[in-house]
Amino acid sequence: MAFKPLHDRVLVRRIESEDKTAGGLIIPDSAKEKPAEGVVVACGEGARKDSGELIEMAVSEGDKILFGKWSGTEVTIDGEELLIMKESDILGIITDAAAAKAA
């Protein structure tokens, strides 16, 4: 992919939600909400303080994240629908519960 976000922006690929509820009901496409989870595809270098000092990004490529429902701008790059958002729009990084307990 030939796209590099600038400053504190992040390129995100949405993770599709489940087609069934916990009870086994199938959810039609018209009733589904856009997922608010995604994977970071690319990151900028980070924001800069007024002094010019770089503030490093808290997320990195490959992180699974949770973001606000209306966050980001939808773009199509190489035929794939992605989101570009500021790092501040990201609510948190999702970690594997089993890996977190082992650490």
N, C-alpha and C. Protein backbone atom coordinates (compact mmCIF):
# COMPACT_ATOMS: atom_id res chain seq x y z
N MET A 1 0.85 -1.17 0.00
CA MET A 1 0.00 0.00 0.00
C MET A 1 0.90 1.23 0.00
N ALA A 2 0.56 2.18 -0.83
CA ALA A 2 1.37 3.38 -0.98
C ALA A 2 0.72 4.57 -0.29
N PHE A 3 0.52 4.46 1.04
CA PHE A 3 -0.06 5.57 1.79
C PHE A 3 0.58 5.62 3.17
N LYS A 4 1.05 6.78 3.55
CA LYS A 4 1.66 6.99 4.88
C LYS A 4 0.93 8.16 5.53
N PRO A 5 0.22 7.93 6.65
CA PRO A 5 -0.44 9.03 7.34
C PRO A 5 0.59 10.02 7.89
N LEU A 6 0.20 11.27 7.98
CA LEU A 6 1.08 12.31 8.50
C LEU A 6 0.75 12.62 9.95
N HIS A 7 1.74 13.12 10.66
CA HIS A 7 1.62 13.63 12.03
C HIS A 7 1.00 12.58 12.96
N ASP A 8 -0.13 12.90 13.61
CA ASP A 8 -0.73 11.97 14.58
C ASP A 8 -1.96 11.27 14.01
N ARG A 9 -1.93 11.02 12.72
CA ARG A 9 -3.05 10.33 12.08
C ARG A 9 -2.75 8.84 11.93
N VAL A 10 -3.84 8.04 11.89
CA VAL A 10 -3.73 6.59 11.84
C VAL A 10 -4.66 6.07 10.74
N LEU A 11 -4.20 5.10 9.98
CA LEU A 11 -5.00 4.43 8.96
C LEU A 11 -5.52 3.13 9.56
N VAL A 12 -6.85 2.92 9.53
CA VAL A 12 -7.48 1.80 10.23
C VAL A 12 -8.36 0.98 9.28
N ARG A 13 -8.27 -0.34 9.42
CA ARG A 13 -9.16 -1.26 8.70
C ARG A 13 -10.19 -1.76 9.71
N ARG A 14 -11.48 -1.55 9.42
CA ARG A 14 -12.54 -2.00 10.33
C ARG A 14 -12.55 -3.53 10.43
N ILE A 15 -12.91 -4.02 11.60
CA ILE A 15 -13.12 -5.45 11.81
C ILE A 15 -14.62 -5.68 11.77
N GLU A 16 -15.06 -6.55 10.89
CA GLU A 16 -16.49 -6.82 10.75
C GLU A 16 -17.05 -7.49 11.99
N SER A 17 -18.27 -7.11 12.36
CA SER A 17 -18.92 -7.69 13.53
C SER A 17 -19.57 -9.03 13.18
N GLU A 18 -20.00 -9.73 14.21
CA GLU A 18 -20.63 -11.03 14.02
C GLU A 18 -21.97 -10.90 13.30
N ASP A 19 -22.31 -11.95 12.53
CA ASP A 19 -23.59 -11.99 11.80
C ASP A 19 -24.72 -12.54 12.66
N LYS A 20 -24.37 -13.08 13.84
CA LYS A 20 -25.38 -13.68 14.71
C LYS A 20 -25.29 -13.06 16.10
N THR A 21 -26.42 -13.07 16.79
CA THR A 21 -26.44 -12.63 18.19
C THR A 21 -26.00 -13.79 19.07
N ALA A 22 -25.83 -13.54 20.34
CA ALA A 22 -25.44 -14.60 21.28
C ALA A 22 -26.49 -15.71 21.32
N GLY A 23 -27.74 -15.35 21.06
CA GLY A 23 -28.84 -16.33 21.05
C GLY A 23 -28.99 -17.08 19.75
N GLY A 24 -28.17 -16.73 18.75
CA GLY A 24 -28.20 -17.45 17.48
C GLY A 24 -29.03 -16.80 16.38
N LEU A 25 -29.61 -15.63 16.65
CA LEU A 25 -30.39 -14.93 15.63
C LEU A 25 -29.46 -14.29 14.60
N ILE A 26 -29.80 -14.40 13.33
CA ILE A 26 -29.00 -13.81 12.26
C ILE A 26 -29.39 -12.35 12.10
N ILE A 27 -28.39 -11.47 12.08
CA ILE A 27 -28.62 -10.03 11.95
C ILE A 27 -28.50 -9.65 10.47
N PRO A 28 -29.55 -9.09 9.87
CA PRO A 28 -29.45 -8.69 8.45
C PRO A 28 -28.53 -7.49 8.29
N ASP A 29 -27.93 -7.34 7.11
CA ASP A 29 -27.00 -6.24 6.85
C ASP A 29 -27.64 -4.87 7.11
N SER A 30 -28.93 -4.74 6.82
CA SER A 30 -29.60 -3.45 7.00
C SER A 30 -29.72 -3.05 8.47
N ALA A 31 -29.63 -4.01 9.39
CA ALA A 31 -29.76 -3.72 10.82
C ALA A 31 -28.41 -3.60 11.52
N LYS A 32 -27.34 -3.93 10.82
CA LYS A 32 -26.02 -3.89 11.45
C LYS A 32 -25.51 -2.46 11.54
N GLU A 33 -24.83 -2.18 12.63
CA GLU A 33 -24.14 -0.91 12.77
C GLU A 33 -22.71 -1.09 12.29
N LYS A 34 -22.09 0.00 11.85
CA LYS A 34 -20.69 -0.10 11.45
C LYS A 34 -19.87 -0.44 12.68
N PRO A 35 -18.93 -1.36 12.54
CA PRO A 35 -18.14 -1.74 13.70
C PRO A 35 -17.25 -0.61 14.19
N ALA A 36 -17.03 -0.60 15.50
CA ALA A 36 -16.18 0.42 16.11
C ALA A 36 -14.86 -0.19 16.56
N GLU A 37 -14.51 -1.33 15.96
CA GLU A 37 -13.23 -1.98 16.21
C GLU A 37 -12.47 -2.03 14.91
N GLY A 38 -11.16 -1.98 15.01
CA GLY A 38 -10.35 -2.05 13.80
C GLY A 38 -8.92 -2.42 14.11
N VAL A 39 -8.16 -2.56 13.03
CA VAL A 39 -6.73 -2.86 13.13
C VAL A 39 -5.97 -1.71 12.50
N VAL A 40 -4.93 -1.24 13.18
CA VAL A 40 -4.11 -0.16 12.65
C VAL A 40 -3.28 -0.69 11.48
N VAL A 41 -3.45 -0.05 10.32
CA VAL A 41 -2.73 -0.45 9.11
C VAL A 41 -1.43 0.35 8.99
N ALA A 42 -1.49 1.64 9.31
CA ALA A 42 -0.31 2.51 9.23
C ALA A 42 -0.47 3.67 10.19
N CYS A 43 0.66 4.21 10.66
CA CYS A 43 0.67 5.34 11.60
C CYS A 43 1.59 6.43 11.10
N GLY A 44 1.26 7.66 11.46
CA GLY A 44 2.17 8.77 11.23
C GLY A 44 3.28 8.72 12.27
N GLU A 45 4.18 9.69 12.21
CA GLU A 45 5.31 9.69 13.16
C GLU A 45 4.93 10.22 14.54
N GLY A 46 3.83 10.96 14.64
CA GLY A 46 3.39 11.50 15.91
C GLY A 46 3.21 13.00 15.84
N ALA A 47 2.60 13.56 16.87
CA ALA A 47 2.37 15.00 16.93
C ALA A 47 3.63 15.70 17.42
N ARG A 48 3.64 17.00 17.30
CA ARG A 48 4.78 17.80 17.78
C ARG A 48 4.30 18.82 18.80
N LYS A 49 5.10 19.00 19.84
CA LYS A 49 4.83 20.05 20.83
C LYS A 49 5.19 21.39 20.20
N ASP A 50 4.81 22.47 20.84
CA ASP A 50 5.15 23.81 20.35
C ASP A 50 6.66 23.99 20.24
N SER A 51 7.41 23.29 21.08
CA SER A 51 8.87 23.39 21.06
C SER A 51 9.49 22.59 19.91
N GLY A 52 8.65 21.80 19.20
CA GLY A 52 9.15 20.99 18.09
C GLY A 52 9.46 19.56 18.49
N GLU A 53 9.40 19.27 19.79
CA GLU A 53 9.68 17.92 20.27
C GLU A 53 8.58 16.96 19.82
N LEU A 54 8.98 15.76 19.35
CA LEU A 54 8.05 14.76 18.85
C LEU A 54 7.37 14.02 20.00
N ILE A 55 6.05 13.89 19.91
CA ILE A 55 5.28 13.08 20.85
C ILE A 55 4.99 11.76 20.14
N GLU A 56 5.60 10.68 20.60
CA GLU A 56 5.46 9.39 19.93
C GLU A 56 4.03 8.88 20.01
N MET A 57 3.66 8.08 19.00
CA MET A 57 2.32 7.48 18.94
C MET A 57 2.19 6.39 20.01
N ALA A 58 1.00 6.28 20.61
CA ALA A 58 0.74 5.23 21.60
C ALA A 58 0.32 3.93 20.92
N VAL A 59 -0.13 4.01 19.66
CA VAL A 59 -0.52 2.82 18.91
C VAL A 59 0.52 2.55 17.84
N SER A 60 0.55 1.32 17.38
CA SER A 60 1.46 0.96 16.31
C SER A 60 0.76 0.04 15.32
N GLU A 61 1.37 -0.16 14.20
CA GLU A 61 0.82 -1.00 13.14
C GLU A 61 0.52 -2.39 13.69
N GLY A 62 -0.69 -2.89 13.40
CA GLY A 62 -1.10 -4.22 13.86
C GLY A 62 -1.91 -4.22 15.14
N ASP A 63 -1.97 -3.09 15.86
CA ASP A 63 -2.76 -3.02 17.09
C ASP A 63 -4.25 -3.12 16.78
N LYS A 64 -4.99 -3.86 17.61
CA LYS A 64 -6.44 -3.93 17.51
C LYS A 64 -6.98 -2.83 18.42
N ILE A 65 -7.82 -1.95 17.86
CA ILE A 65 -8.26 -0.77 18.60
C ILE A 65 -9.78 -0.64 18.65
N LEU A 66 -10.23 0.19 19.58
CA LEU A 66 -11.63 0.56 19.71
C LEU A 66 -11.70 2.07 19.49
N PHE A 67 -12.63 2.51 18.65
CA PHE A 67 -12.75 3.94 18.37
C PHE A 67 -14.20 4.36 18.41
N GLY A 68 -14.43 5.67 18.48
CA GLY A 68 -15.78 6.21 18.55
C GLY A 68 -16.59 5.91 17.30
N LYS A 69 -17.89 5.84 17.48
CA LYS A 69 -18.82 5.49 16.40
C LYS A 69 -18.69 6.41 15.18
N TRP A 70 -18.47 7.69 15.40
CA TRP A 70 -18.41 8.66 14.30
C TRP A 70 -16.99 9.12 14.03
N SER A 71 -16.00 8.39 14.48
CA SER A 71 -14.60 8.79 14.32
C SER A 71 -14.10 8.55 12.91
N GLY A 72 -13.19 9.39 12.49
CA GLY A 72 -12.46 9.17 11.25
C GLY A 72 -13.17 9.60 9.99
N THR A 73 -12.41 9.55 8.90
CA THR A 73 -12.89 9.87 7.57
C THR A 73 -12.73 8.63 6.72
N GLU A 74 -13.81 8.20 6.06
CA GLU A 74 -13.75 7.02 5.22
C GLU A 74 -13.04 7.35 3.91
N VAL A 75 -12.09 6.50 3.53
CA VAL A 75 -11.36 6.65 2.27
C VAL A 75 -11.26 5.28 1.60
N THR A 76 -11.07 5.29 0.29
CA THR A 76 -10.84 4.06 -0.45
C THR A 76 -9.42 4.11 -1.00
N ILE A 77 -8.60 3.14 -0.58
CA ILE A 77 -7.21 3.06 -1.02
C ILE A 77 -7.01 1.66 -1.59
N ASP A 78 -6.55 1.60 -2.83
CA ASP A 78 -6.33 0.32 -3.52
C ASP A 78 -7.59 -0.54 -3.50
N GLY A 79 -8.77 0.08 -3.63
CA GLY A 79 -10.04 -0.63 -3.68
C GLY A 79 -10.56 -1.09 -2.33
N GLU A 80 -9.90 -0.74 -1.25
CA GLU A 80 -10.31 -1.16 0.08
C GLU A 80 -10.79 0.05 0.87
N GLU A 81 -11.94 -0.10 1.56
CA GLU A 81 -12.47 0.99 2.38
C GLU A 81 -11.77 1.00 3.73
N LEU A 82 -11.14 2.13 4.05
CA LEU A 82 -10.39 2.30 5.29
C LEU A 82 -10.81 3.59 5.97
N LEU A 83 -10.33 3.81 7.17
CA LEU A 83 -10.58 5.04 7.92
C LEU A 83 -9.27 5.74 8.23
N ILE A 84 -9.27 7.06 8.13
CA ILE A 84 -8.15 7.86 8.61
C ILE A 84 -8.68 8.65 9.79
N MET A 85 -7.99 8.56 10.93
CA MET A 85 -8.43 9.29 12.11
C MET A 85 -7.21 9.78 12.90
N LYS A 86 -7.45 10.76 13.75
CA LYS A 86 -6.40 11.23 14.64
C LYS A 86 -6.27 10.22 15.77
N GLU A 87 -5.07 10.14 16.31
CA GLU A 87 -4.83 9.20 17.41
C GLU A 87 -5.76 9.49 18.59
N SER A 88 -6.11 10.74 18.79
CA SER A 88 -6.99 11.11 19.92
C SER A 88 -8.41 10.56 19.77
N ASP A 89 -8.81 10.13 18.55
CA ASP A 89 -10.12 9.53 18.32
C ASP A 89 -10.15 8.07 18.76
N ILE A 90 -8.98 7.50 19.02
CA ILE A 90 -8.90 6.10 19.44
C ILE A 90 -9.16 6.02 20.94
N LEU A 91 -10.10 5.16 21.33
CA LEU A 91 -10.50 5.05 22.73
C LEU A 91 -9.58 4.12 23.51
N GLY A 92 -9.01 3.12 22.84
CA GLY A 92 -8.13 2.19 23.54
C GLY A 92 -7.64 1.08 22.64
N ILE A 93 -6.67 0.34 23.15
CA ILE A 93 -6.11 -0.81 22.45
C ILE A 93 -6.70 -2.06 23.08
N ILE A 94 -7.20 -2.97 22.23
CA ILE A 94 -7.79 -4.21 22.71
C ILE A 94 -6.69 -5.27 22.75
N THR A 95 -6.52 -5.88 23.93
CA THR A 95 -5.52 -6.92 24.08
C THR A 95 -6.22 -8.26 24.29
N ASP A 96 -5.53 -9.33 23.99
CA ASP A 96 -6.05 -10.67 24.19
C ASP A 96 -6.10 -10.93 25.69
N ALA A 97 -7.25 -11.31 26.22
CA ALA A 97 -7.43 -11.52 27.66
C ALA A 97 -6.50 -12.61 28.19
N ALA A 98 -6.30 -13.68 27.43
CA ALA A 98 -5.45 -14.78 27.88
C ALA A 98 -3.99 -14.32 27.97
N ALA A 99 -3.55 -13.53 27.00
CA ALA A 99 -2.18 -13.03 27.00
C ALA A 99 -1.97 -12.04 28.14
N ALA A 100 -3.00 -11.24 28.45
CA ALA A 100 -2.89 -10.25 29.52
C ALA A 100 -2.77 -10.94 30.89
N LYS A 101 -3.47 -12.07 31.08
CA LYS A 101 -3.40 -12.80 32.36
C LYS A 101 -2.04 -13.46 32.54
N ALA A 102 -1.45 -13.93 31.43
CA ALA A 102 -0.16 -14.61 31.49
C ALA A 102 0.98 -13.64 31.81
N ALA A 103 0.81 -12.38 31.46
CA ALA A 103 1.89 -11.40 31.65
C ALA A 103 2.04 -10.94 33.07
